[in-house]
Amino acid sequence: MSVAADPVASVRVRLPDQLQRLARLEREVTVAVAGAVTQRSVLGALERQFPALRGTIRDHAGVRRPKVRIFACNEDISHDPVDAPLPAAIVRGEEPLFVLGAISGG
């Protein structure tokens, strides 16, 4: 009896300039995500594949940093539950997940 493996999605992630420079990456990277494709699973795959990004998007407890925003299909999903499924267009690789640094000032 064979057991089916979890499906693996190739998720495109667009990074802000400062993270590209830090990790010496291109603007867009692709990460393999097994199982459910959520903010948590994508960011976990990103940090595993590119260790220089650990602690930059999320703190070491896994909480998104306050000045970072996550967008999927032109929607700010930063405050959505981290285990909510991402849109199908992200899962299929048709659209990238955007990681952006928030701008603040006064």
Protein backbone atom coordinates (compact mmCIF):
# COMPACT_ATOMS: atom_id res chain seq x y z
CA MET A 1 0.00 0.00 0.00
CA SER A 2 1.52 3.31 -1.02
CA VAL A 3 0.94 6.58 0.78
CA ALA A 4 0.51 9.68 -1.37
CA ALA A 5 2.98 12.44 -0.56
CA ASP A 6 1.76 15.92 0.25
CA PRO A 7 1.49 17.99 -2.92
CA VAL A 8 4.29 20.48 -3.41
CA ALA A 9 3.54 23.96 -4.74
CA SER A 10 6.13 26.24 -6.33
CA VAL A 11 5.29 29.63 -4.85
CA ARG A 12 6.76 32.83 -6.26
CA VAL A 13 7.78 35.44 -3.67
CA ARG A 14 8.74 39.04 -4.46
CA LEU A 15 11.08 40.66 -1.97
CA PRO A 16 11.81 44.31 -1.17
CA ASP A 17 15.19 45.76 -2.20
CA GLN A 18 16.73 45.67 1.26
CA LEU A 19 16.01 41.93 1.69
CA GLN A 20 17.27 41.19 -1.82
CA ARG A 21 20.57 42.85 -0.99
CA LEU A 22 20.81 41.23 2.45
CA ALA A 23 20.33 37.70 1.10
CA ARG A 24 21.95 38.39 -2.30
CA LEU A 25 18.84 37.31 -4.15
CA GLU A 26 16.91 38.36 -7.20
CA ARG A 27 13.72 40.41 -6.85
CA GLU A 28 11.63 37.26 -7.15
CA VAL A 29 12.42 33.81 -5.79
CA THR A 30 10.50 30.53 -5.94
CA VAL A 31 10.09 28.29 -2.92
CA ALA A 32 8.73 24.76 -2.68
CA VAL A 33 5.88 24.45 -0.18
CA ALA A 34 4.59 21.02 0.82
CA GLY A 35 1.03 20.70 2.04
CA ALA A 36 -1.19 23.70 2.72
CA VAL A 37 0.03 26.95 1.19
CA THR A 38 -0.35 29.60 3.87
CA GLN A 39 1.59 32.66 5.00
CA ARG A 40 3.22 30.50 7.68
CA SER A 41 4.25 27.70 5.29
CA VAL A 42 5.54 30.05 2.57
CA LEU A 43 7.57 32.19 4.99
CA GLY A 44 8.90 29.05 6.66
CA ALA A 45 10.01 27.66 3.28
CA LEU A 46 11.56 31.03 2.41
CA GLU A 47 13.56 31.10 5.65
CA ARG A 48 14.69 27.48 5.24
CA GLN A 49 15.79 27.99 1.64
CA PHE A 50 17.41 31.39 2.32
CA PRO A 51 18.69 31.39 5.93
CA ALA A 52 19.89 35.03 5.65
CA LEU A 53 16.20 36.02 5.75
CA ARG A 54 15.57 34.41 9.16
CA GLY A 55 14.41 37.05 11.61
CA THR A 56 13.84 39.71 8.92
CA ILE A 57 10.20 39.17 7.89
CA ARG A 58 9.17 37.38 11.07
CA ASP A 59 10.80 37.49 14.47
CA HIS A 60 12.36 34.32 15.86
CA ALA A 61 9.03 33.36 17.44
CA GLY A 62 7.42 33.39 13.97
CA VAL A 63 5.46 36.64 14.36
CA ARG A 64 5.43 39.03 11.39
CA ARG A 65 7.47 42.14 12.04
CA PRO A 66 5.28 45.27 12.41
CA LYS A 67 6.85 47.18 9.49
CA VAL A 68 6.41 44.30 7.02
CA ARG A 69 3.31 43.80 4.90
CA ILE A 70 2.29 40.72 2.90
CA PHE A 71 0.19 41.05 -0.27
CA ALA A 72 -1.53 38.30 -2.28
CA CYS A 73 -3.39 39.12 -5.51
CA ASN A 74 -3.32 42.88 -4.72
CA GLU A 75 -4.82 42.35 -1.25
CA ASP A 76 -3.04 43.18 2.01
CA ILE A 77 -3.22 39.91 3.93
CA SER A 78 -0.82 41.00 6.67
CA HIS A 79 -3.46 40.75 9.38
CA ASP A 80 -5.18 37.61 8.07
CA PRO A 81 -4.71 34.40 10.06
CA VAL A 82 -1.25 33.02 9.21
CA ASP A 83 -2.68 29.54 8.59
CA ALA A 84 -5.43 30.68 6.21
CA PRO A 85 -5.03 29.20 2.72
CA LEU A 86 -3.55 31.59 0.18
CA PRO A 87 -5.44 32.31 -3.08
CA ALA A 88 -5.32 29.66 -5.79
CA ALA A 89 -3.40 31.99 -8.15
CA ILE A 90 -0.55 32.08 -5.60
CA VAL A 91 -0.62 28.30 -5.13
CA ARG A 92 -0.53 27.72 -8.91
CA GLY A 93 2.37 30.17 -9.35
CA GLU A 94 0.34 32.53 -11.52
CA GLU A 95 0.79 35.43 -9.08
CA PRO A 96 3.63 36.14 -6.64
CA LEU A 97 3.28 36.71 -2.93
CA PHE A 98 4.65 40.20 -2.23
CA VAL A 99 6.67 41.04 0.88
CA LEU A 100 6.88 44.81 1.34
CA GLY A 101 8.43 47.08 3.91
CA ALA A 102 5.85 49.52 5.29
CA ILE A 103 6.64 53.22 5.06
CA SER A 104 6.10 55.30 8.14
CA GLY A 105 7.01 58.76 9.24
CA GLY A 106 5.54 62.00 10.27
